Amino acid sequence: SAASLAQAEETTAPDYTLLDAIKA
């Protein structure tokens, strides 16, 4: 998952942060 996230973040920014996901 970490590898996939790293690759994804190179091309597109997430709509919210991991901290937001935890809070929600």
mmCIF file of all heavy atoms, coordinates in Angstrom:
data_MODEL
# 
_entry.id   MODEL 
# 
loop_
_atom_site.group_PDB 
_atom_site.id 
_atom_site.type_symbol 
_atom_site.label_atom_id 
_atom_site.label_alt_id 
_atom_site.label_comp_id 
_atom_site.label_asym_id 
_atom_site.label_entity_id 
_atom_site.label_seq_id 
_atom_site.pdbx_PDB_ins_code 
_atom_site.Cartn_x 
_atom_site.Cartn_y 
_atom_site.Cartn_z 
_atom_site.occupancy 
_atom_site.B_iso_or_equiv 
_atom_site.pdbx_formal_charge 
_atom_site.auth_seq_id 
_atom_site.auth_comp_id 
_atom_site.auth_asym_id 
_atom_site.auth_atom_id 
_atom_site.pdbx_PDB_model_num 
ATOM 1   N N   . SER A 1 1  ? 0.828   -1.210 0.000   1.00 0.00 ? 1  SER A N   1 
ATOM 2   C CA  . SER A 1 1  ? 0.000   0.000  0.000   1.00 0.00 ? 1  SER A CA  1 
ATOM 3   C C   . SER A 1 1  ? 0.858   1.254  0.000   1.00 0.00 ? 1  SER A C   1 
ATOM 4   O O   . SER A 1 1  ? 0.568   2.219  -0.698  1.00 0.00 ? 1  SER A O   1 
ATOM 5   C CB  . SER A 1 1  ? -0.912  -0.002 1.220   1.00 0.00 ? 1  SER A CB  1 
ATOM 6   O OG  . SER A 1 1  ? -1.711  -1.152 1.240   1.00 0.00 ? 1  SER A OG  1 
ATOM 7   N N   . ALA A 1 2  ? 1.925   1.239  0.805   1.00 0.00 ? 2  ALA A N   1 
ATOM 8   C CA  . ALA A 1 2  ? 2.799   2.403  0.869   1.00 0.00 ? 2  ALA A CA  1 
ATOM 9   C C   . ALA A 1 2  ? 3.430   2.694  -0.487  1.00 0.00 ? 2  ALA A C   1 
ATOM 10  O O   . ALA A 1 2  ? 3.542   3.847  -0.911  1.00 0.00 ? 2  ALA A O   1 
ATOM 11  C CB  . ALA A 1 2  ? 3.877   2.180  1.929   1.00 0.00 ? 2  ALA A CB  1 
ATOM 12  N N   . ALA A 1 3  ? 3.840   1.624  -1.165  1.00 0.00 ? 3  ALA A N   1 
ATOM 13  C CA  . ALA A 1 3  ? 4.432   1.806  -2.492  1.00 0.00 ? 3  ALA A CA  1 
ATOM 14  C C   . ALA A 1 3  ? 3.412   2.401  -3.458  1.00 0.00 ? 3  ALA A C   1 
ATOM 15  O O   . ALA A 1 3  ? 3.718   3.288  -4.253  1.00 0.00 ? 3  ALA A O   1 
ATOM 16  C CB  . ALA A 1 3  ? 4.948   0.470  -3.017  1.00 0.00 ? 3  ALA A CB  1 
ATOM 17  N N   . SER A 1 4  ? 2.169   1.896  -3.384  1.00 0.00 ? 4  SER A N   1 
ATOM 18  C CA  . SER A 1 4  ? 1.132   2.420  -4.261  1.00 0.00 ? 4  SER A CA  1 
ATOM 19  C C   . SER A 1 4  ? 0.834   3.877  -3.958  1.00 0.00 ? 4  SER A C   1 
ATOM 20  O O   . SER A 1 4  ? 0.642   4.683  -4.860  1.00 0.00 ? 4  SER A O   1 
ATOM 21  C CB  . SER A 1 4  ? -0.155  1.587  -4.090  1.00 0.00 ? 4  SER A CB  1 
ATOM 22  O OG  . SER A 1 4  ? 0.091   0.234  -4.404  1.00 0.00 ? 4  SER A OG  1 
ATOM 23  N N   . LEU A 1 5  ? 0.819   4.233  -2.667  1.00 0.00 ? 5  LEU A N   1 
ATOM 24  C CA  . LEU A 1 5  ? 0.548   5.610  -2.279  1.00 0.00 ? 5  LEU A CA  1 
ATOM 25  C C   . LEU A 1 5  ? 1.650   6.536  -2.775  1.00 0.00 ? 5  LEU A C   1 
ATOM 26  O O   . LEU A 1 5  ? 1.392   7.641  -3.263  1.00 0.00 ? 5  LEU A O   1 
ATOM 27  C CB  . LEU A 1 5  ? 0.420   5.709  -0.759  1.00 0.00 ? 5  LEU A CB  1 
ATOM 28  C CG  . LEU A 1 5  ? -0.853  5.113  -0.154  1.00 0.00 ? 5  LEU A CG  1 
ATOM 29  C CD1 . LEU A 1 5  ? -0.767  5.184  1.376   1.00 0.00 ? 5  LEU A CD1 1 
ATOM 30  C CD2 . LEU A 1 5  ? -2.082  5.852  -0.647  1.00 0.00 ? 5  LEU A CD2 1 
ATOM 31  N N   . ALA A 1 6  ? 2.875   6.084  -2.618  1.00 0.00 ? 6  ALA A N   1 
ATOM 32  C CA  . ALA A 1 6  ? 3.997   6.917  -3.053  1.00 0.00 ? 6  ALA A CA  1 
ATOM 33  C C   . ALA A 1 6  ? 3.917   7.188  -4.547  1.00 0.00 ? 6  ALA A C   1 
ATOM 34  O O   . ALA A 1 6  ? 4.144   8.308  -5.009  1.00 0.00 ? 6  ALA A O   1 
ATOM 35  C CB  . ALA A 1 6  ? 5.317   6.219  -2.705  1.00 0.00 ? 6  ALA A CB  1 
ATOM 36  N N   . GLN A 1 7  ? 3.567   6.146  -5.311  1.00 0.00 ? 7  GLN A N   1 
ATOM 37  C CA  . GLN A 1 7  ? 3.458   6.317  -6.759  1.00 0.00 ? 7  GLN A CA  1 
ATOM 38  C C   . GLN A 1 7  ? 2.292   7.245  -7.098  1.00 0.00 ? 7  GLN A C   1 
ATOM 39  O O   . GLN A 1 7  ? 2.389   8.107  -7.964  1.00 0.00 ? 7  GLN A O   1 
ATOM 40  C CB  . GLN A 1 7  ? 3.242   4.953  -7.432  1.00 0.00 ? 7  GLN A CB  1 
ATOM 41  C CG  . GLN A 1 7  ? 3.208   5.021  -8.954  1.00 0.00 ? 7  GLN A CG  1 
ATOM 42  C CD  . GLN A 1 7  ? 3.082   3.641  -9.571  1.00 0.00 ? 7  GLN A CD  1 
ATOM 43  O OE1 . GLN A 1 7  ? 2.919   2.653  -8.869  1.00 0.00 ? 7  GLN A OE1 1 
ATOM 44  N NE2 . GLN A 1 7  ? 3.175   3.577  -10.882 1.00 0.00 ? 7  GLN A NE2 1 
ATOM 45  N N   . ALA A 1 8  ? 1.179   7.086  -6.377  1.00 0.00 ? 8  ALA A N   1 
ATOM 46  C CA  . ALA A 1 8  ? 0.003   7.908  -6.656  1.00 0.00 ? 8  ALA A CA  1 
ATOM 47  C C   . ALA A 1 8  ? 0.264   9.367  -6.346  1.00 0.00 ? 8  ALA A C   1 
ATOM 48  O O   . ALA A 1 8  ? -0.193  10.255 -7.082  1.00 0.00 ? 8  ALA A O   1 
ATOM 49  C CB  . ALA A 1 8  ? -1.184  7.398  -5.841  1.00 0.00 ? 8  ALA A CB  1 
ATOM 50  N N   . GLU A 1 9  ? 1.008   9.632  -5.274  1.00 0.00 ? 9  GLU A N   1 
ATOM 51  C CA  . GLU A 1 9  ? 1.232   11.009 -4.862  1.00 0.00 ? 9  GLU A CA  1 
ATOM 52  C C   . GLU A 1 9  ? 2.123   11.763 -5.832  1.00 0.00 ? 9  GLU A C   1 
ATOM 53  O O   . GLU A 1 9  ? 2.154   12.981 -5.835  1.00 0.00 ? 9  GLU A O   1 
ATOM 54  C CB  . GLU A 1 9  ? 1.833   11.027 -3.459  1.00 0.00 ? 9  GLU A CB  1 
ATOM 55  C CG  . GLU A 1 9  ? 0.799   10.662 -2.388  1.00 0.00 ? 9  GLU A CG  1 
ATOM 56  C CD  . GLU A 1 9  ? 1.418   10.530 -1.015  1.00 0.00 ? 9  GLU A CD  1 
ATOM 57  O OE1 . GLU A 1 9  ? 2.670   10.566 -0.937  1.00 0.00 ? 9  GLU A OE1 1 
ATOM 58  O OE2 . GLU A 1 9  ? 0.671   10.371 -0.040  1.00 0.00 ? 9  GLU A OE2 1 
ATOM 59  N N   . GLU A 1 10 ? 2.865   11.028 -6.685  1.00 0.00 ? 10 GLU A N   1 
ATOM 60  C CA  . GLU A 1 10 ? 3.693   11.694 -7.680  1.00 0.00 ? 10 GLU A CA  1 
ATOM 61  C C   . GLU A 1 10 ? 2.842   12.311 -8.774  1.00 0.00 ? 10 GLU A C   1 
ATOM 62  O O   . GLU A 1 10 ? 3.230   13.269 -9.423  1.00 0.00 ? 10 GLU A O   1 
ATOM 63  C CB  . GLU A 1 10 ? 4.662   10.676 -8.298  1.00 0.00 ? 10 GLU A CB  1 
ATOM 64  C CG  . GLU A 1 10 ? 5.739   10.210 -7.318  1.00 0.00 ? 10 GLU A CG  1 
ATOM 65  C CD  . GLU A 1 10 ? 6.648   9.181  -7.959  1.00 0.00 ? 10 GLU A CD  1 
ATOM 66  O OE1 . GLU A 1 10 ? 6.419   8.853  -9.147  1.00 0.00 ? 10 GLU A OE1 1 
ATOM 67  O OE2 . GLU A 1 10 ? 7.585   8.712  -7.289  1.00 0.00 ? 10 GLU A OE2 1 
ATOM 68  N N   . THR A 1 11 ? 1.640   11.726 -8.988  1.00 0.00 ? 11 THR A N   1 
ATOM 69  C CA  . THR A 1 11 ? 0.832   12.181 -10.113 1.00 0.00 ? 11 THR A CA  1 
ATOM 70  C C   . THR A 1 11 ? -0.404  12.968 -9.688  1.00 0.00 ? 11 THR A C   1 
ATOM 71  O O   . THR A 1 11 ? -0.894  13.794 -10.444 1.00 0.00 ? 11 THR A O   1 
ATOM 72  C CB  . THR A 1 11 ? 0.385   10.963 -10.941 1.00 0.00 ? 11 THR A CB  1 
ATOM 73  O OG1 . THR A 1 11 ? -0.322  10.055 -10.077 1.00 0.00 ? 11 THR A OG1 1 
ATOM 74  C CG2 . THR A 1 11 ? 1.596   10.256 -11.534 1.00 0.00 ? 11 THR A CG2 1 
ATOM 75  N N   . THR A 1 12 ? -0.917  12.661 -8.482  1.00 0.00 ? 12 THR A N   1 
ATOM 76  C CA  . THR A 1 12 ? -2.127  13.347 -8.057  1.00 0.00 ? 12 THR A CA  1 
ATOM 77  C C   . THR A 1 12 ? -2.100  13.564 -6.555  1.00 0.00 ? 12 THR A C   1 
ATOM 78  O O   . THR A 1 12 ? -1.690  12.684 -5.812  1.00 0.00 ? 12 THR A O   1 
ATOM 79  C CB  . THR A 1 12 ? -3.380  12.538 -8.461  1.00 0.00 ? 12 THR A CB  1 
ATOM 80  O OG1 . THR A 1 12 ? -4.533  13.237 -7.993  1.00 0.00 ? 12 THR A OG1 1 
ATOM 81  C CG2 . THR A 1 12 ? -3.363  11.142 -7.853  1.00 0.00 ? 12 THR A CG2 1 
ATOM 82  N N   . ALA A 1 13 ? -2.532  14.721 -6.128  1.00 0.00 ? 13 ALA A N   1 
ATOM 83  C CA  . ALA A 1 13 ? -2.555  15.014 -4.697  1.00 0.00 ? 13 ALA A CA  1 
ATOM 84  C C   . ALA A 1 13 ? -3.843  14.465 -4.094  1.00 0.00 ? 13 ALA A C   1 
ATOM 85  O O   . ALA A 1 13 ? -4.902  14.511 -4.726  1.00 0.00 ? 13 ALA A O   1 
ATOM 86  C CB  . ALA A 1 13 ? -2.483  16.529 -4.480  1.00 0.00 ? 13 ALA A CB  1 
ATOM 87  N N   . PRO A 1 14 ? -3.806  13.939 -2.900  1.00 0.00 ? 14 PRO A N   1 
ATOM 88  C CA  . PRO A 1 14 ? -5.027  13.430 -2.261  1.00 0.00 ? 14 PRO A CA  1 
ATOM 89  C C   . PRO A 1 14 ? -5.973  14.569 -1.935  1.00 0.00 ? 14 PRO A C   1 
ATOM 90  O O   . PRO A 1 14 ? -5.570  15.712 -1.740  1.00 0.00 ? 14 PRO A O   1 
ATOM 91  C CB  . PRO A 1 14 ? -4.498  12.753 -0.990  1.00 0.00 ? 14 PRO A CB  1 
ATOM 92  C CG  . PRO A 1 14 ? -3.206  13.463 -0.693  1.00 0.00 ? 14 PRO A CG  1 
ATOM 93  C CD  . PRO A 1 14 ? -2.621  13.799 -2.035  1.00 0.00 ? 14 PRO A CD  1 
ATOM 94  N N   . ASP A 1 15 ? -7.269  14.212 -1.868  1.00 0.00 ? 15 ASP A N   1 
ATOM 95  C CA  . ASP A 1 15 ? -8.277  15.206 -1.533  1.00 0.00 ? 15 ASP A CA  1 
ATOM 96  C C   . ASP A 1 15 ? -8.146  15.644 -0.083  1.00 0.00 ? 15 ASP A C   1 
ATOM 97  O O   . ASP A 1 15 ? -8.533  16.753 0.273   1.00 0.00 ? 15 ASP A O   1 
ATOM 98  C CB  . ASP A 1 15 ? -9.677  14.649 -1.782  1.00 0.00 ? 15 ASP A CB  1 
ATOM 99  C CG  . ASP A 1 15 ? -9.929  14.384 -3.259  1.00 0.00 ? 15 ASP A CG  1 
ATOM 100 O OD1 . ASP A 1 15 ? -9.294  15.075 -4.088  1.00 0.00 ? 15 ASP A OD1 1 
ATOM 101 O OD2 . ASP A 1 15 ? -10.750 13.508 -3.568  1.00 0.00 ? 15 ASP A OD2 1 
ATOM 102 N N   . TYR A 1 16 ? -7.619  14.767 0.770   1.00 0.00 ? 16 TYR A N   1 
ATOM 103 C CA  . TYR A 1 16 ? -7.440  15.103 2.168   1.00 0.00 ? 16 TYR A CA  1 
ATOM 104 C C   . TYR A 1 16 ? -6.257  14.312 2.696   1.00 0.00 ? 16 TYR A C   1 
ATOM 105 O O   . TYR A 1 16 ? -5.773  13.380 2.066   1.00 0.00 ? 16 TYR A O   1 
ATOM 106 C CB  . TYR A 1 16 ? -8.709  14.806 2.978   1.00 0.00 ? 16 TYR A CB  1 
ATOM 107 C CG  . TYR A 1 16 ? -9.279  13.423 2.756   1.00 0.00 ? 16 TYR A CG  1 
ATOM 108 C CD1 . TYR A 1 16 ? -8.786  12.332 3.474   1.00 0.00 ? 16 TYR A CD1 1 
ATOM 109 C CD2 . TYR A 1 16 ? -10.299 13.206 1.832   1.00 0.00 ? 16 TYR A CD2 1 
ATOM 110 C CE1 . TYR A 1 16 ? -9.297  11.059 3.268   1.00 0.00 ? 16 TYR A CE1 1 
ATOM 111 C CE2 . TYR A 1 16 ? -10.809 11.943 1.627   1.00 0.00 ? 16 TYR A CE2 1 
ATOM 112 C CZ  . TYR A 1 16 ? -10.312 10.867 2.340   1.00 0.00 ? 16 TYR A CZ  1 
ATOM 113 O OH  . TYR A 1 16 ? -10.805 9.622  2.133   1.00 0.00 ? 16 TYR A OH  1 
ATOM 114 N N   . THR A 1 17 ? -5.814  14.662 3.865   1.00 0.00 ? 17 THR A N   1 
ATOM 115 C CA  . THR A 1 17 ? -4.629  14.038 4.422   1.00 0.00 ? 17 THR A CA  1 
ATOM 116 C C   . THR A 1 17 ? -4.994  12.779 5.207   1.00 0.00 ? 17 THR A C   1 
ATOM 117 O O   . THR A 1 17 ? -6.170  12.521 5.500   1.00 0.00 ? 17 THR A O   1 
ATOM 118 C CB  . THR A 1 17 ? -3.914  15.018 5.360   1.00 0.00 ? 17 THR A CB  1 
ATOM 119 O OG1 . THR A 1 17 ? -4.746  15.262 6.502   1.00 0.00 ? 17 THR A OG1 1 
ATOM 120 C CG2 . THR A 1 17 ? -3.614  16.330 4.638   1.00 0.00 ? 17 THR A CG2 1 
ATOM 121 N N   . LEU A 1 18 ? -3.979  12.029 5.584   1.00 0.00 ? 18 LEU A N   1 
ATOM 122 C CA  . LEU A 1 18 ? -4.186  10.848 6.411   1.00 0.00 ? 18 LEU A CA  1 
ATOM 123 C C   . LEU A 1 18 ? -4.791  11.233 7.757   1.00 0.00 ? 18 LEU A C   1 
ATOM 124 O O   . LEU A 1 18 ? -5.652  10.528 8.290   1.00 0.00 ? 18 LEU A O   1 
ATOM 125 C CB  . LEU A 1 18 ? -2.854  10.114 6.612   1.00 0.00 ? 18 LEU A CB  1 
ATOM 126 C CG  . LEU A 1 18 ? -2.903  8.866  7.501   1.00 0.00 ? 18 LEU A CG  1 
ATOM 127 C CD1 . LEU A 1 18 ? -3.878  7.841  6.936   1.00 0.00 ? 18 LEU A CD1 1 
ATOM 128 C CD2 . LEU A 1 18 ? -1.508  8.259  7.652   1.00 0.00 ? 18 LEU A CD2 1 
ATOM 129 N N   . LEU A 1 19 ? -4.363  12.383 8.280   1.00 0.00 ? 19 LEU A N   1 
ATOM 130 C CA  . LEU A 1 19 ? -4.929  12.849 9.547   1.00 0.00 ? 19 LEU A CA  1 
ATOM 131 C C   . LEU A 1 19 ? -6.425  13.117 9.405   1.00 0.00 ? 19 LEU A C   1 
ATOM 132 O O   . LEU A 1 19 ? -7.221  12.800 10.297  1.00 0.00 ? 19 LEU A O   1 
ATOM 133 C CB  . LEU A 1 19 ? -4.204  14.116 10.011  1.00 0.00 ? 19 LEU A CB  1 
ATOM 134 C CG  . LEU A 1 19 ? -4.658  14.691 11.363  1.00 0.00 ? 19 LEU A CG  1 
ATOM 135 C CD1 . LEU A 1 19 ? -4.475  13.659 12.476  1.00 0.00 ? 19 LEU A CD1 1 
ATOM 136 C CD2 . LEU A 1 19 ? -3.887  15.967 11.667  1.00 0.00 ? 19 LEU A CD2 1 
ATOM 137 N N   . ASP A 1 20 ? -6.813  13.692 8.255   1.00 0.00 ? 20 ASP A N   1 
ATOM 138 C CA  . ASP A 1 20 ? -8.239  13.911 8.005   1.00 0.00 ? 20 ASP A CA  1 
ATOM 139 C C   . ASP A 1 20 ? -8.995  12.579 7.959   1.00 0.00 ? 20 ASP A C   1 
ATOM 140 O O   . ASP A 1 20 ? -10.122 12.472 8.458   1.00 0.00 ? 20 ASP A O   1 
ATOM 141 C CB  . ASP A 1 20 ? -8.452  14.649 6.681   1.00 0.00 ? 20 ASP A CB  1 
ATOM 142 C CG  . ASP A 1 20 ? -7.953  16.078 6.727   1.00 0.00 ? 20 ASP A CG  1 
ATOM 143 O OD1 . ASP A 1 20 ? -7.969  16.662 7.835   1.00 0.00 ? 20 ASP A OD1 1 
ATOM 144 O OD2 . ASP A 1 20 ? -7.539  16.598 5.679   1.00 0.00 ? 20 ASP A OD2 1 
ATOM 145 N N   . ALA A 1 21 ? -8.385  11.573 7.344   1.00 0.00 ? 21 ALA A N   1 
ATOM 146 C CA  . ALA A 1 21 ? -9.026  10.255 7.244   1.00 0.00 ? 21 ALA A CA  1 
ATOM 147 C C   . ALA A 1 21 ? -9.215  9.642  8.624   1.00 0.00 ? 21 ALA A C   1 
ATOM 148 O O   . ALA A 1 21 ? -10.232 9.003  8.897   1.00 0.00 ? 21 ALA A O   1 
ATOM 149 C CB  . ALA A 1 21 ? -8.186  9.329  6.365   1.00 0.00 ? 21 ALA A CB  1 
ATOM 150 N N   . ILE A 1 22 ? -8.230  9.846  9.498   1.00 0.00 ? 22 ILE A N   1 
ATOM 151 C CA  . ILE A 1 22 ? -8.353  9.325  10.866  1.00 0.00 ? 22 ILE A CA  1 
ATOM 152 C C   . ILE A 1 22 ? -9.480  10.041 11.600  1.00 0.00 ? 22 ILE A C   1 
ATOM 153 O O   . ILE A 1 22 ? -10.324 9.412  12.250  1.00 0.00 ? 22 ILE A O   1 
ATOM 154 C CB  . ILE A 1 22 ? -7.019  9.489  11.619  1.00 0.00 ? 22 ILE A CB  1 
ATOM 155 C CG1 . ILE A 1 22 ? -5.938  8.608  10.978  1.00 0.00 ? 22 ILE A CG1 1 
ATOM 156 C CG2 . ILE A 1 22 ? -7.199  9.128  13.087  1.00 0.00 ? 22 ILE A CG2 1 
ATOM 157 C CD1 . ILE A 1 22 ? -4.556  8.830  11.536  1.00 0.00 ? 22 ILE A CD1 1 
ATOM 158 N N   . LYS A 1 23 ? -9.517  11.367 11.476  1.00 0.00 ? 23 LYS A N   1 
ATOM 159 C CA  . LYS A 1 23 ? -10.544 12.138 12.168  1.00 0.00 ? 23 LYS A CA  1 
ATOM 160 C C   . LYS A 1 23 ? -11.950 11.804 11.663  1.00 0.00 ? 23 LYS A C   1 
ATOM 161 O O   . LYS A 1 23 ? -12.927 11.827 12.417  1.00 0.00 ? 23 LYS A O   1 
ATOM 162 C CB  . LYS A 1 23 ? -10.287 13.636 11.985  1.00 0.00 ? 23 LYS A CB  1 
ATOM 163 C CG  . LYS A 1 23 ? -9.057  14.157 12.713  1.00 0.00 ? 23 LYS A CG  1 
ATOM 164 C CD  . LYS A 1 23 ? -8.874  15.644 12.447  1.00 0.00 ? 23 LYS A CD  1 
ATOM 165 C CE  . LYS A 1 23 ? -7.669  16.206 13.183  1.00 0.00 ? 23 LYS A CE  1 
ATOM 166 N NZ  . LYS A 1 23 ? -7.478  17.650 12.891  1.00 0.00 ? 23 LYS A NZ  1 
ATOM 167 N N   . ALA A 1 24 ? -12.059 11.505 10.377  1.00 0.00 ? 24 ALA A N   1 
ATOM 168 C CA  . ALA A 1 24 ? -13.369 11.228 9.767   1.00 0.00 ? 24 ALA A CA  1 
ATOM 169 C C   . ALA A 1 24 ? -13.783 9.771  9.931   1.00 0.00 ? 24 ALA A C   1 
ATOM 170 O O   . ALA A 1 24 ? -14.824 9.360  9.404   1.00 0.00 ? 24 ALA A O   1 
ATOM 171 C CB  . ALA A 1 24 ? -13.339 11.595 8.284   1.00 0.00 ? 24 ALA A CB  1 
# 
